[in-house]
Structure formats: C-alpha cells, structure tokens
PDB file of N, CA and C in Angstrom:
ATOM      1  N   UNK A   1      48.047 -62.797  71.227  1.00  0.00           N
ATOM      2  CA  UNK A   1      47.894 -64.147  71.294  1.00  0.00           C
ATOM      3  C   UNK A   1      46.976 -64.470  71.702  1.00  0.00           C
ATOM      4  N   UNK A   2      45.870 -65.422  70.833  1.00  0.00           N
ATOM      5  CA  UNK A   2      44.685 -65.827  71.337  1.00  0.00           C
ATOM      6  C   UNK A   2      44.657 -66.944  72.173  1.00  0.00           C
ATOM      7  N   UNK A   3      43.615 -67.176  72.765  1.00  0.00           N
ATOM      8  CA  UNK A   3      43.549 -68.573  73.672  1.00  0.00           C
ATOM      9  C   UNK A   3      44.014 -69.763  72.987  1.00  0.00           C
ATOM     10  N   UNK A   4      43.852 -69.640  71.893  1.00  0.00           N
ATOM     11  CA  UNK A   4      43.850 -71.056  70.946  1.00  0.00           C
ATOM     12  C   UNK A   4      45.583 -71.261  70.374  1.00  0.00           C
ATOM     13  N   UNK A   5      46.252 -69.994  70.398  1.00  0.00           N
ATOM     14  CA  UNK A   5      47.588 -70.017  69.891  1.00  0.00           C
ATOM     15  C   UNK A   5      48.409 -70.471  71.070  1.00  0.00           C
ATOM     16  N   UNK A   6      49.357 -71.231  70.304  1.00  0.00           N
ATOM     17  CA  UNK A   6      50.633 -71.866  71.424  1.00  0.00           C
ATOM     18  C   UNK A   6      51.695 -71.517  70.972  1.00  0.00           C
ATOM     19  N   UNK A   7      52.811 -70.732  71.415  1.00  0.00           N
ATOM     20  CA  UNK A   7      53.880 -70.499  71.240  1.00  0.00           C
ATOM     21  C   UNK A   7      54.710 -71.734  70.393  1.00  0.00           C
ATOM     22  N   UNK A   8      55.496 -71.231  69.383  1.00  0.00           N
ATOM     23  CA  UNK A   8      55.992 -72.416  68.617  1.00  0.00           C
ATOM     24  C   UNK A   8      56.991 -73.189  69.218  1.00  0.00           C
ATOM     25  N   UNK A   9      57.425 -72.720  70.370  1.00  0.00           N
ATOM     26  CA  UNK A   9      58.566 -73.384  70.834  1.00  0.00           C
ATOM     27  C   UNK A   9      58.116 -74.569  72.091  1.00  0.00           C
ATOM     28  N   UNK A  10      56.706 -74.718  71.990  1.00  0.00           N
ATOM     29  CA  UNK A  10      56.028 -75.689  73.228  1.00  0.00           C
ATOM     30  C   UNK A  10      55.527 -76.705  71.941  1.00  0.00           C
ATOM     31  N   UNK A  11      55.527 -77.707  72.757  1.00  0.00           N
ATOM     32  CA  UNK A  11      54.641 -79.070  72.105  1.00  0.00           C
ATOM     33  C   UNK A  11      53.355 -79.141  72.627  1.00  0.00           C
ATOM     34  N   UNK A  12      52.490 -79.474  72.064  1.00  0.00           N
ATOM     35  CA  UNK A  12      51.027 -79.899  72.646  1.00  0.00           C
ATOM     36  C   UNK A  12      51.379 -81.326  73.395  1.00  0.00           C
ATOM     37  N   UNK A  13      50.519 -81.539  74.294  1.00  0.00           N
ATOM     38  CA  UNK A  13      50.132 -82.803  74.810  1.00  0.00           C
ATOM     39  C   UNK A  13      49.799 -83.980  73.782  1.00  0.00           C
ATOM     40  N   UNK A  14      48.966 -83.367  72.854  1.00  0.00           N
ATOM     41  CA  UNK A  14      48.565 -84.483  71.571  1.00  0.00           C
ATOM     42  C   UNK A  14      49.722 -85.040  70.839  1.00  0.00           C
ATOM     43  N   UNK A  15      50.570 -83.845  70.485  1.00  0.00           N
ATOM     44  CA  UNK A  15      52.061 -83.994  69.500  1.00  0.00           C
ATOM     45  C   UNK A  15      52.549 -84.840  70.480  1.00  0.00           C
ATOM     46  N   UNK A  16      52.891 -84.695  71.593  1.00  0.00           N
ATOM     47  CA  UNK A  16      53.832 -85.604  72.523  1.00  0.00           C
ATOM     48  C   UNK A  16      53.472 -86.894  72.525  1.00  0.00           C
ATOM     49  N   UNK A  17      52.013 -87.367  72.681  1.00  0.00           N
ATOM     50  CA  UNK A  17      51.417 -88.600  72.746  1.00  0.00           C
ATOM     51  C   UNK A  17      51.841 -89.305  71.292  1.00  0.00           C
ATOM     52  N   UNK A  18      51.481 -88.431  70.737  1.00  0.00           N
ATOM     53  CA  UNK A  18      51.606 -89.366  69.046  1.00  0.00           C
ATOM     54  C   UNK A  18      53.285 -89.730  68.915  1.00  0.00           C
ATOM     55  N   UNK A  19      54.096 -88.799  69.260  1.00  0.00           N
ATOM     56  CA  UNK A  19      55.592 -88.929  69.250  1.00  0.00           C
ATOM     57  C   UNK A  19      56.064 -90.177  69.848  1.00  0.00           C
ATOM     58  N   UNK A  20      55.638 -90.336  71.143  1.00  0.00           N
ATOM     59  CA  UNK A  20      55.727 -91.299  72.147  1.00  0.00           C
ATOM     60  C   UNK A  20      54.955 -92.820  71.779  1.00  0.00           C
ATOM     61  N   UNK A  21      53.841 -92.643  71.566  1.00  0.00           N
ATOM     62  CA  UNK A  21      53.278 -93.899  71.544  1.00  0.00           C
ATOM     63  C   UNK A  21      53.286 -94.378  69.812  1.00  0.00           C
ATOM     64  N   UNK A  22      52.996 -93.616  69.107  1.00  0.00           N
ATOM     65  CA  UNK A  22      53.135 -94.110  67.781  1.00  0.00           C
ATOM     66  C   UNK A  22      54.240 -94.190  67.241  1.00  0.00           C
ATOM     67  N   UNK A  23      55.234 -93.021  67.091  1.00  0.00           N
ATOM     68  CA  UNK A  23      56.276 -92.886  66.454  1.00  0.00           C
ATOM     69  C   UNK A  23      57.661 -93.633  67.577  1.00  0.00           C
ATOM     70  N   UNK A  24      57.078 -93.900  68.855  1.00  0.00           N
ATOM     71  CA  UNK A  24      58.330 -94.582  69.312  1.00  0.00           C
ATOM     72  C   UNK A  24      59.375 -93.719  69.944  1.00  0.00           C
ATOM     73  N   UNK A  25      59.259 -92.401  69.629  1.00  0.00           N
ATOM     74  CA  UNK A  25      60.396 -91.364  70.087  1.00  0.00           C
ATOM     75  C   UNK A  25      61.660 -91.682  68.882  1.00  0.00           C
ATOM     76  N   UNK A  26      61.346 -92.393  67.743  1.00  0.00           N
ATOM     77  CA  UNK A  26      62.438 -92.613  67.060  1.00  0.00           C
ATOM     78  C   UNK A  26      62.112 -92.087  65.721  1.00  0.00           C
ATOM     79  N   UNK A  27      60.923 -91.971  65.440  1.00  0.00           N
ATOM     80  CA  UNK A  27      60.603 -91.334  64.030  1.00  0.00           C
ATOM     81  C   UNK A  27      59.966 -89.820  64.242  1.00  0.00           C
ATOM     82  N   UNK A  28      60.294 -88.905  63.348  1.00  0.00           N
ATOM     83  CA  UNK A  28      59.976 -87.396  63.279  1.00  0.00           C
ATOM     84  C   UNK A  28      58.546 -87.293  62.944  1.00  0.00           C
ATOM     85  N   UNK A  29      57.648 -86.584  63.463  1.00  0.00           N
ATOM     86  CA  UNK A  29      56.149 -86.433  63.398  1.00  0.00           C
ATOM     87  C   UNK A  29      56.213 -85.894  62.057  1.00  0.00           C
ATOM     88  N   UNK A  30      56.944 -84.765  61.796  1.00  0.00           N
ATOM     89  CA  UNK A  30      56.951 -83.615  60.327  1.00  0.00           C
ATOM     90  C   UNK A  30      57.157 -84.642  59.473  1.00  0.00           C
ATOM     91  N   UNK A  31      58.543 -85.403  59.478  1.00  0.00           N
ATOM     92  CA  UNK A  31      58.865 -85.979  58.217  1.00  0.00           C
ATOM     93  C   UNK A  31      57.928 -87.026  57.862  1.00  0.00           C
ATOM     94  N   UNK A  32      57.290 -87.660  58.924  1.00  0.00           N
ATOM     95  CA  UNK A  32      56.063 -88.856  58.383  1.00  0.00           C
ATOM     96  C   UNK A  32      54.740 -88.218  57.718  1.00  0.00           C
ATOM     97  N   UNK A  33      54.354 -86.949  58.471  1.00  0.00           N
ATOM     98  CA  UNK A  33      53.141 -86.067  57.622  1.00  0.00           C
ATOM     99  C   UNK A  33      53.576 -85.603  56.450  1.00  0.00           C
ATOM    100  N   UNK A  34      54.868 -85.251  56.284  1.00  0.00           N
ATOM    101  CA  UNK A  34      55.277 -84.831  54.862  1.00  0.00           C
ATOM    102  C   UNK A  34      55.329 -86.095  53.907  1.00  0.00           C
ATOM    103  N   UNK A  35      55.756 -87.473  54.128  1.00  0.00           N
ATOM    104  CA  UNK A  35      55.761 -88.454  53.455  1.00  0.00           C
ATOM    105  C   UNK A  35      54.226 -89.003  53.288  1.00  0.00           C
ATOM    106  N   UNK A  36      53.173 -88.562  54.094  1.00  0.00           N
ATOM    107  CA  UNK A  36      52.158 -88.998  53.785  1.00  0.00           C
ATOM    108  C   UNK A  36      51.324 -87.906  52.729  1.00  0.00           C
ATOM    109  N   UNK A  37      51.679 -86.522  52.915  1.00  0.00           N
ATOM    110  CA  UNK A  37      51.471 -85.643  52.102  1.00  0.00           C
ATOM    111  C   UNK A  37      51.730 -85.985  50.654  1.00  0.00           C
ATOM    112  N   UNK A  38      53.246 -86.326  50.556  1.00  0.00           N
ATOM    113  CA  UNK A  38      53.615 -86.711  49.356  1.00  0.00           C
ATOM    114  C   UNK A  38      52.655 -87.831  48.694  1.00  0.00           C
ATOM    115  N   UNK A  39      52.370 -88.565  49.437  1.00  0.00           N
ATOM    116  CA  UNK A  39      51.705 -89.933  48.836  1.00  0.00           C
ATOM    117  C   UNK A  39      50.233 -89.354  48.607  1.00  0.00           C
ATOM    118  N   UNK A  40      49.622 -88.361  49.015  1.00  0.00           N
ATOM    119  CA  UNK A  40      48.384 -88.046  48.451  1.00  0.00           C
ATOM    120  C   UNK A  40      48.120 -87.192  47.636  1.00  0.00           C
ATOM    121  N   UNK A  41      49.049 -86.624  46.881  1.00  0.00           N
ATOM    122  CA  UNK A  41      48.625 -86.021  45.733  1.00  0.00           C
ATOM    123  C   UNK A  41      48.480 -86.995  44.436  1.00  0.00           C
ATOM    124  N   UNK A  42      47.176 -86.795  43.907  1.00  0.00           N
ATOM    125  CA  UNK A  42      46.769 -88.021  42.747  1.00  0.00           C
ATOM    126  C   UNK A  42      47.707 -88.523  41.915  1.00  0.00           C
ATOM    127  N   UNK A  43      48.359 -87.682  41.194  1.00  0.00           N
ATOM    128  CA  UNK A  43      49.453 -88.278  40.513  1.00  0.00           C
ATOM    129  C   UNK A  43      50.326 -89.144  40.984  1.00  0.00           C
ATOM    130  N   UNK A  44      50.883 -88.741  42.392  1.00  0.00           N
ATOM    131  CA  UNK A  44      51.874 -89.770  43.022  1.00  0.00           C
ATOM    132  C   UNK A  44      51.391 -90.685  43.831  1.00  0.00           C
ATOM    133  N   UNK A  45      50.157 -90.678  44.153  1.00  0.00           N
ATOM    134  CA  UNK A  45      49.115 -91.622  44.512  1.00  0.00           C
ATOM    135  C   UNK A  45      49.223 -92.944  43.221  1.00  0.00           C
ATOM    136  N   UNK A  46      48.886 -92.453  41.981  1.00  0.00           N
ATOM    137  CA  UNK A  46      48.667 -93.463  41.187  1.00  0.00           C
ATOM    138  C   UNK A  46      50.150 -94.016  40.906  1.00  0.00           C
ATOM    139  N   UNK A  47      51.129 -93.302  40.847  1.00  0.00           N
ATOM    140  CA  UNK A  47      52.553 -93.912  40.577  1.00  0.00           C
ATOM    141  C   UNK A  47      52.845 -95.129  41.854  1.00  0.00           C
ATOM    142  N   UNK A  48      52.488 -94.389  42.984  1.00  0.00           N
ATOM    143  CA  UNK A  48      53.059 -95.376  44.296  1.00  0.00           C
ATOM    144  C   UNK A  48      51.859 -96.881  43.657  1.00  0.00           C
ATOM    145  N   UNK A  49      50.483 -96.520  43.604  1.00  0.00           N
ATOM    146  CA  UNK A  49      49.845 -98.051  43.477  1.00  0.00           C
ATOM    147  C   UNK A  49      50.142 -98.542  42.095  1.00  0.00           C
ATOM    148  N   UNK A  50      50.943 -98.064  41.027  1.00  0.00           N
ATOM    149  CA  UNK A  50      51.408 -98.708  39.920  1.00  0.00           C
ATOM    150  C   UNK A  50      52.727 -99.594  40.407  1.00  0.00           C
ATOM    151  N   UNK A  51      53.676 -98.925  41.428  1.00  0.00           N
ATOM    152  CA  UNK A  51      54.890 -99.606  41.940  1.00  0.00           C
ATOM    153  C   UNK A  51      54.577-100.595  42.789  1.00  0.00           C
ATOM    154  N   UNK A  52      53.616-100.309  43.812  1.00  0.00           N
ATOM    155  CA  UNK A  52      53.186-101.273  44.706  1.00  0.00           C
ATOM    156  C   UNK A  52      52.456-102.867  44.082  1.00  0.00           C
ATOM    157  N   UNK A  53      51.665-102.679  42.771  1.00  0.00           N
ATOM    158  CA  UNK A  53      51.499-103.532  42.276  1.00  0.00           C
ATOM    159  C   UNK A  53      52.135-104.457  41.166  1.00  0.00           C
ATOM    160  N   UNK A  54      52.988-103.419  40.565  1.00  0.00           N
ATOM    161  CA  UNK A  54      53.925-104.182  39.372  1.00  0.00           C
ATOM    162  C   UNK A  54      55.274-104.096  39.350  1.00  0.00           C
ATOM    163  N   UNK A  55      55.725-103.421  40.663  1.00  0.00           N
ATOM    164  CA  UNK A  55      57.054-103.703  40.801  1.00  0.00           C
ATOM    165  C   UNK A  55      57.912-102.614  40.049  1.00  0.00           C
ATOM    166  N   UNK A  56      58.975-102.831  39.713  1.00  0.00           N
ATOM    167  CA  UNK A  56      59.814-101.698  39.004  1.00  0.00           C
ATOM    168  C   UNK A  56      59.132-101.165  37.791  1.00  0.00           C
ATOM    169  N   UNK A  57      59.261 -99.982  37.618  1.00  0.00           N
ATOM    170  CA  UNK A  57      58.876 -99.360  36.210  1.00  0.00           C
ATOM    171  C   UNK A  57      59.595 -98.363  35.583  1.00  0.00           C
ATOM    172  N   UNK A  58      60.050 -98.613  34.373  1.00  0.00           N
ATOM    173  CA  UNK A  58      60.830 -97.535  33.648  1.00  0.00           C
ATOM    174  C   UNK A  58      60.008 -96.154  33.794  1.00  0.00           C
ATOM    175  N   UNK A  59      60.574 -94.965  33.709  1.00  0.00           N
ATOM    176  CA  UNK A  59      60.077 -93.763  33.513  1.00  0.00           C
ATOM    177  C   UNK A  59      59.340 -93.551  32.401  1.00  0.00           C
ATOM    178  N   UNK A  60      59.464 -93.982  31.285  1.00  0.00           N
ATOM    179  CA  UNK A  60      58.986 -94.237  30.159  1.00  0.00           C
ATOM    180  C   UNK A  60      57.529 -94.767  30.142  1.00  0.00           C
ATOM    181  N   UNK A  61      57.646 -95.923  30.677  1.00  0.00           N
ATOM    182  CA  UNK A  61      56.364 -97.104  31.019  1.00  0.00           C
ATOM    183  C   UNK A  61      55.464 -96.124  32.034  1.00  0.00           C
ATOM    184  N   UNK A  62      56.033 -95.645  32.973  1.00  0.00           N
ATOM    185  CA  UNK A  62      55.058 -94.806  34.021  1.00  0.00           C
ATOM    186  C   UNK A  62      54.439 -93.605  33.354  1.00  0.00           C
ATOM    187  N   UNK A  63      55.240 -92.966  32.347  1.00  0.00           N
ATOM    188  CA  UNK A  63      54.725 -91.774  31.758  1.00  0.00           C
ATOM    189  C   UNK A  63      53.754 -92.180  30.646  1.00  0.00           C
ATOM    190  N   UNK A  64      53.879 -93.267  29.659  1.00  0.00           N
ATOM    191  CA  UNK A  64      52.860 -94.072  29.094  1.00  0.00           C
ATOM    192  C   UNK A  64      51.524 -94.264  30.111  1.00  0.00           C
ATOM    193  N   UNK A  65      51.753 -94.750  31.125  1.00  0.00           N
ATOM    194  CA  UNK A  65      50.843 -95.478  31.840  1.00  0.00           C
ATOM    195  C   UNK A  65      49.710 -94.184  32.209  1.00  0.00           C
ATOM    196  N   UNK A  66      50.414 -93.003  32.896  1.00  0.00           N
ATOM    197  CA  UNK A  66      49.870 -91.668  33.175  1.00  0.00           C
ATOM    198  C   UNK A  66      49.432 -90.580  31.847  1.00  0.00           C
ATOM    199  N   UNK A  67      49.761 -91.409  30.843  1.00  0.00           N
ATOM    200  CA  UNK A  67      49.528 -90.210  29.430  1.00  0.00           C
ATOM    201  C   UNK A  67      49.867 -89.005  29.972  1.00  0.00           C
ATOM    202  N   UNK A  68      51.102 -89.107  30.376  1.00  0.00           N
ATOM    203  CA  UNK A  68      51.978 -87.695  30.771  1.00  0.00           C
ATOM    204  C   UNK A  68      53.459 -87.930  29.850  1.00  0.00           C
ATOM    205  N   UNK A  69      53.874 -86.851  29.814  1.00  0.00           N
ATOM    206  CA  UNK A  69      55.148 -86.795  29.424  1.00  0.00           C
ATOM    207  C   UNK A  69      56.332 -86.947  30.531  1.00  0.00           C
ATOM    208  N   UNK A  70      57.301 -87.845  30.090  1.00  0.00           N
ATOM    209  CA  UNK A  70      58.249 -88.340  30.789  1.00  0.00           C
ATOM    210  C   UNK A  70      58.588 -86.647  31.807  1.00  0.00           C
ATOM    211  N   UNK A  71      59.239 -85.614  31.087  1.00  0.00           N
ATOM    212  CA  UNK A  71      59.629 -84.382  31.873  1.00  0.00           C
ATOM    213  C   UNK A  71      58.693 -83.745  32.777  1.00  0.00           C
ATOM    214  N   UNK A  72      57.223 -84.043  32.488  1.00  0.00           N
ATOM    215  CA  UNK A  72      56.112 -83.527  33.298  1.00  0.00           C
ATOM    216  C   UNK A  72      56.013 -84.634  34.776  1.00  0.00           C
ATOM    217  N   UNK A  73      56.473 -85.747  34.528  1.00  0.00           N
ATOM    218  CA  UNK A  73      56.318 -86.838  35.718  1.00  0.00           C
ATOM    219  C   UNK A  73      57.381 -86.711  36.631  1.00  0.00           C
ATOM    220  N   UNK A  74      58.630 -86.044  36.029  1.00  0.00           N
ATOM    221  CA  UNK A  74      60.025 -86.128  36.948  1.00  0.00           C
ATOM    222  C   UNK A  74      59.743 -85.252  38.237  1.00  0.00           C
ATOM    223  N   UNK A  75      59.224 -84.130  38.360  1.00  0.00           N
ATOM    224  CA  UNK A  75      59.097 -83.375  39.521  1.00  0.00           C
ATOM    225  C   UNK A  75      58.004 -84.541  40.578  1.00  0.00           C
ATOM    226  N   UNK A  76      57.050 -85.132  40.053  1.00  0.00           N
ATOM    227  CA  UNK A  76      56.438 -85.983  40.993  1.00  0.00           C
ATOM    228  C   UNK A  76      57.216 -87.065  41.552  1.00  0.00           C
ATOM    229  N   UNK A  77      57.889 -87.909  40.703  1.00  0.00           N
ATOM    230  CA  UNK A  77      59.063 -88.802  41.024  1.00  0.00           C
ATOM    231  C   UNK A  77      60.084 -88.300  42.253  1.00  0.00           C
ATOM    232  N   UNK A  78      60.526 -87.366  41.902  1.00  0.00           N
ATOM    233  CA  UNK A  78      61.493 -86.576  42.699  1.00  0.00           C
ATOM    234  C   UNK A  78      61.284 -86.467  44.128  1.00  0.00           C
ATOM    235  N   UNK A  79      59.971 -85.803  44.343  1.00  0.00           N
ATOM    236  CA  UNK A  79      59.231 -85.777  45.053  1.00  0.00           C
ATOM    237  C   UNK A  79      59.107 -86.899  46.083  1.00  0.00           C
ATOM    238  N   UNK A  80      58.593 -87.979  45.526  1.00  0.00           N
ATOM    239  CA  UNK A  80      58.415 -89.015  46.139  1.00  0.00           C
ATOM    240  C   UNK A  80      59.800 -89.703  46.497  1.00  0.00           C
ATOM    241  N   UNK A  81      60.701 -89.595  45.763  1.00  0.00           N
ATOM    242  CA  UNK A  81      62.010 -89.989  46.404  1.00  0.00           C
ATOM    243  C   UNK A  81      62.630 -89.157  47.325  1.00  0.00           C
ATOM    244  N   UNK A  82      62.283 -88.007  47.367  1.00  0.00           N
ATOM    245  CA  UNK A  82      62.947 -87.100  48.525  1.00  0.00           C
ATOM    246  C   UNK A  82      62.046 -87.237  49.910  1.00  0.00           C
ATOM    247  N   UNK A  83      60.718 -87.782  49.683  1.00  0.00           N
ATOM    248  CA  UNK A  83      59.953 -88.422  50.836  1.00  0.00           C
ATOM    249  C   UNK A  83      60.400 -89.669  51.174  1.00  0.00           C
ATOM    250  N   UNK A  84      61.554 -90.331  50.594  1.00  0.00           N
ATOM    251  CA  UNK A  84      61.671 -91.710  50.844  1.00  0.00           C
ATOM    252  C   UNK A  84      60.853 -92.796  50.506  1.00  0.00           C
ATOM    253  N   UNK A  85      60.115 -92.561  49.409  1.00  0.00           N
ATOM    254  CA  UNK A  85      59.059 -93.550  48.996  1.00  0.00           C
ATOM    255  C   UNK A  85      59.396 -94.304  47.640  1.00  0.00           C
ATOM    256  N   UNK A  86      60.263 -93.831  46.991  1.00  0.00           N
ATOM    257  CA  UNK A  86      60.979 -94.808  45.810  1.00  0.00           C
ATOM    258  C   UNK A  86      62.272 -94.375  45.722  1.00  0.00           C
ATOM    259  N   UNK A  87      62.825 -95.564  45.041  1.00  0.00           N
ATOM    260  CA  UNK A  87      64.008 -95.420  44.788  1.00  0.00           C
ATOM    261  C   UNK A  87      64.329 -95.723  43.219  1.00  0.00           C
ATOM    262  N   UNK A  88      65.647 -95.162  42.565  1.00  0.00           N
ATOM    263  CA  UNK A  88      65.547 -95.319  41.217  1.00  0.00           C
ATOM    264  C   UNK A  88      67.000 -95.664  41.014  1.00  0.00           C
ATOM    265  N   UNK A  89      66.967 -96.122  39.756  1.00  0.00           N
ATOM    266  CA  UNK A  89      68.515 -96.766  39.333  1.00  0.00           C
ATOM    267  C   UNK A  89      68.345 -96.649  37.706  1.00  0.00           C
ATOM    268  N   UNK A  90      69.652 -96.856  37.205  1.00  0.00           N
ATOM    269  CA  UNK A  90      69.789 -96.668  35.604  1.00  0.00           C
ATOM    270  C   UNK A  90      69.888 -97.851  35.163  1.00  0.00           C
ATOM    271  N   UNK A  91      69.309 -98.290  34.129  1.00  0.00           N
ATOM    272  CA  UNK A  91      69.184 -99.343  33.318  1.00  0.00           C
ATOM    273  C   UNK A  91      69.604 -99.033  31.543  1.00  0.00           C
ATOM    274  N   UNK A  92      70.757 -98.963  31.371  1.00  0.00           N
ATOM    275  CA  UNK A  92      70.974 -98.198  30.165  1.00  0.00           C
ATOM    276  C   UNK A  92      70.650 -96.879  30.201  1.00  0.00           C
ATOM    277  N   UNK A  93      70.063 -96.525  29.202  1.00  0.00           N
ATOM    278  CA  UNK A  93      69.660 -94.979  29.109  1.00  0.00           C
ATOM    279  C   UNK A  93      68.193 -94.937  30.219  1.00  0.00           C
ATOM    280  N   UNK A  94      67.663 -95.709  30.519  1.00  0.00           N
ATOM    281  CA  UNK A  94      66.439 -95.839  31.385  1.00  0.00           C
ATOM    282  C   UNK A  94      66.662 -95.384  32.659  1.00  0.00           C
ATOM    283  N   UNK A  95      65.889 -94.705  33.441  1.00  0.00           N
ATOM    284  CA  UNK A  95      65.805 -94.654  34.799  1.00  0.00           C
ATOM    285  C   UNK A  95      64.380 -95.762  35.314  1.00  0.00           C
ATOM    286  N   UNK A  96      64.885 -96.489  36.172  1.00  0.00           N
ATOM    287  CA  UNK A  96      63.744 -97.426  36.541  1.00  0.00           C
ATOM    288  C   UNK A  96      63.351 -97.229  38.087  1.00  0.00           C
ATOM    289  N   UNK A  97      62.176 -97.060  38.313  1.00  0.00           N
ATOM    290  CA  UNK A  97      61.755 -96.636  39.860  1.00  0.00           C
ATOM    291  C   UNK A  97      61.123 -97.996  40.290  1.00  0.00           C
ATOM    292  N   UNK A  98      61.112 -98.183  41.696  1.00  0.00           N
ATOM    293  CA  UNK A  98      60.860 -99.180  42.032  1.00  0.00           C
ATOM    294  C   UNK A  98      60.365 -98.640  43.781  1.00  0.00           C
ATOM    295  N   UNK A  99      59.375 -99.152  44.576  1.00  0.00           N
ATOM    296  CA  UNK A  99      59.284 -98.777  46.177  1.00  0.00           C
ATOM    297  C   UNK A  99      60.438 -98.834  46.911  1.00  0.00           C
ATOM    298  N   UNK A 100      60.652 -97.864  47.662  1.00  0.00           N
ATOM    299  CA  UNK A 100      62.245 -97.846  48.736  1.00  0.00           C
ATOM    300  C   UNK A 100      61.538 -99.092  49.333  1.00  0.00           C
ATOM    301  N   UNK A 101      62.646 -99.553  50.395  1.00  0.00           N
ATOM    302  CA  UNK A 101      62.613-100.658  51.231  1.00  0.00           C
ATOM    303  C   UNK A 101      61.398-100.138  52.305  1.00  0.00           C
ATOM    304  N   UNK A 102      61.408 -98.904  52.679  1.00  0.00           N
ATOM    305  CA  UNK A 102      60.475 -98.358  53.688  1.00  0.00           C
ATOM    306  C   UNK A 102      59.316 -98.196  53.049  1.00  0.00           C
ATOM    307  N   UNK A 103      59.022 -97.892  51.968  1.00  0.00           N
ATOM    308  CA  UNK A 103      57.754 -97.979  51.418  1.00  0.00           C
ATOM    309  C   UNK A 103      56.785 -99.264  51.271  1.00  0.00           C
ATOM    310  N   UNK A 104      57.893-100.305  50.877  1.00  0.00           N
ATOM    311  CA  UNK A 104      57.485-101.509  50.653  1.00  0.00           C
ATOM    312  C   UNK A 104      56.855-102.355  51.713  1.00  0.00           C
ATOM    313  N   UNK A 105      57.006-101.663  52.739  1.00  0.00           N
ATOM    314  CA  UNK A 105      56.462-102.103  54.259  1.00  0.00           C
ATOM    315  C   UNK A 105      55.409-101.581  54.433  1.00  0.00           C
ATOM    316  N   UNK A 106      54.815-100.267  53.905  1.00  0.00           N
ATOM    317  CA  UNK A 106      53.641 -99.527  54.350  1.00  0.00           C
ATOM    318  C   UNK A 106      52.725 -99.262  53.297  1.00  0.00           C
ATOM    319  N   UNK A 107      53.272 -98.901  52.171  1.00  0.00           N
ATOM    320  CA  UNK A 107      52.335 -98.389  51.023  1.00  0.00           C
ATOM    321  C   UNK A 107      51.539 -99.656  50.828  1.00  0.00           C
ATOM    322  N   UNK A 108      51.677-100.507  50.632  1.00  0.00           N
ATOM    323  CA  UNK A 108      50.800-101.860  50.157  1.00  0.00           C
ATOM    324  C   UNK A 108      49.811-101.867  51.319  1.00  0.00           C
ATOM    325  N   UNK A 109      50.304-101.757  52.945  1.00  0.00           N
ATOM    326  CA  UNK A 109      48.918-101.534  53.758  1.00  0.00           C
ATOM    327  C   UNK A 109      48.350-100.431  53.415  1.00  0.00           C
ATOM    328  N   UNK A 110      48.471 -99.288  53.020  1.00  0.00           N
ATOM    329  CA  UNK A 110      47.799 -98.069  52.864  1.00  0.00           C
ATOM    330  C   UNK A 110      46.749 -98.436  51.925  1.00  0.00           C
ATOM    331  N   UNK A 111      47.348 -99.106  50.634  1.00  0.00           N
ATOM    332  CA  UNK A 111      46.495 -99.280  49.543  1.00  0.00           C
ATOM    333  C   UNK A 111      45.702-100.633  50.007  1.00  0.00           C
ATOM    334  N   UNK A 112      46.211-101.711  50.800  1.00  0.00           N
ATOM    335  CA  UNK A 112      44.770-102.669  51.218  1.00  0.00           C
ATOM    336  C   UNK A 112      43.662-101.935  52.284  1.00  0.00           C
ATOM    337  N   UNK A 113      44.065-101.075  53.009  1.00  0.00           N
ATOM    338  CA  UNK A 113      42.741-100.637  53.719  1.00  0.00           C
ATOM    339  C   UNK A 113      42.221 -99.632  52.995  1.00  0.00           C
ATOM    340  N   UNK A 114      42.481 -98.936  52.057  1.00  0.00           N
ATOM    341  CA  UNK A 114      41.657 -98.287  51.002  1.00  0.00           C
ATOM    342  C   UNK A 114      40.625 -99.195  50.362  1.00  0.00           C
ATOM    343  N   UNK A 115      41.471-100.456  49.827  1.00  0.00           N
ATOM    344  CA  UNK A 115      40.638-101.651  48.960  1.00  0.00           C
ATOM    345  C   UNK A 115      39.520-101.780  50.027  1.00  0.00           C
ATOM    346  N   UNK A 116      39.770-102.284  51.264  1.00  0.00           N
ATOM    347  CA  UNK A 116      38.957-102.485  51.973  1.00  0.00           C
ATOM    348  C   UNK A 116      37.759-101.982  52.718  1.00  0.00           C
ATOM    349  N   UNK A 117      38.265-100.543  52.470  1.00  0.00           N
ATOM    350  CA  UNK A 117      37.164 -99.427  52.889  1.00  0.00           C
ATOM    351  C   UNK A 117      36.402 -99.231  51.491  1.00  0.00           C
ATOM    352  N   UNK A 118      36.691 -99.579  50.158  1.00  0.00           N
ATOM    353  CA  UNK A 118      36.034 -99.282  48.896  1.00  0.00           C
ATOM    354  C   UNK A 118      34.945-100.686  49.141  1.00  0.00           C
ATOM    355  N   UNK A 119      35.444-101.776  49.325  1.00  0.00           N
ATOM    356  CA  UNK A 119      34.564-103.180  49.342  1.00  0.00           C
ATOM    357  C   UNK A 119      33.434-102.957  50.466  1.00  0.00           C
ATOM    358  N   UNK A 120      33.630-102.275  51.522  1.00  0.00           N
ATOM    359  CA  UNK A 120      32.815-102.058  52.607  1.00  0.00           C
ATOM    360  C   UNK A 120      31.496-101.016  52.105  1.00  0.00           C
ATOM    361  N   UNK A 121      32.061 -99.956  51.335  1.00  0.00           N
ATOM    362  CA  UNK A 121      31.343 -98.946  50.812  1.00  0.00           C
ATOM    363  C   UNK A 121      30.466 -99.563  49.397  1.00  0.00           C
ATOM    364  N   UNK A 122      30.921-100.252  48.944  1.00  0.00           N
ATOM    365  CA  UNK A 122      30.303-100.814  47.753  1.00  0.00           C
ATOM    366  C   UNK A 122      29.401-102.059  48.182  1.00  0.00           C
ATOM    367  N   UNK A 123      29.426-102.793  49.211  1.00  0.00           N
ATOM    368  CA  UNK A 123      29.137-104.040  49.553  1.00  0.00           C
ATOM    369  C   UNK A 123      27.804-103.636  50.385  1.00  0.00           C
TER     370      UNK A 123
END
C-alpha cells in the first residue's frame, strides 16, 4: 500500500467534514455525488434545464426537442428518475416528466449559478 492509499474502511477527515458540515449527518455523500453525476451528462443536463424552465413535458415532446427517438431517451430519463431528480406520471398513453420535489429546490439554483457565471464571463 502506498502512502496515499487509505484502507476502504477508514474515512478521510475531509469526507467527515463534508458529511458533518454540508450534509448535516443526514444526507449520504455517495448518493449526492451520484445525483450530481447524473445531472452532468449532457443529454440529462438539457432535459433538466427544459423541465426546470418549462415544467412538465411529455416524453414525445422531450424527444422532439432533443431531436432523439423516445426509446433512445428513456435510459436518460430513467437515470434521472433513479437519481431522484425527475418524476413521471401517465396522461392517457403518454408519459409526462417533471422535476421531483427534491430537484425543484436545487436544480434551478444550479442553473442560476451557471447562468450567473456565463454573464460574468461574457461581461
């Protein structure tokens, strides 16, 4: 084992700090990191932006907006749902997607921060 390797059963001081200070001891660091990773995939990023700005969208509408077939989009939508970022319901034969209550609280804030950064860079 090299000097930098830490046995997997030990937790770094920094990780413990994040879990205590940022996550309040109630949120799981790995789960939150996975949620952000799901957001970071470009197609999923666009889907979340559309849902954040437009609200509910049918899967067919999302596919049209992204110039994708619905079947090609479902694995992205399922990943976002598994991450707890989107919810879906049926409206007749259509699946309708929307931000989850969790995502409604923080996804727009992420996009606002990115928009602010873009303004700073361009200004």
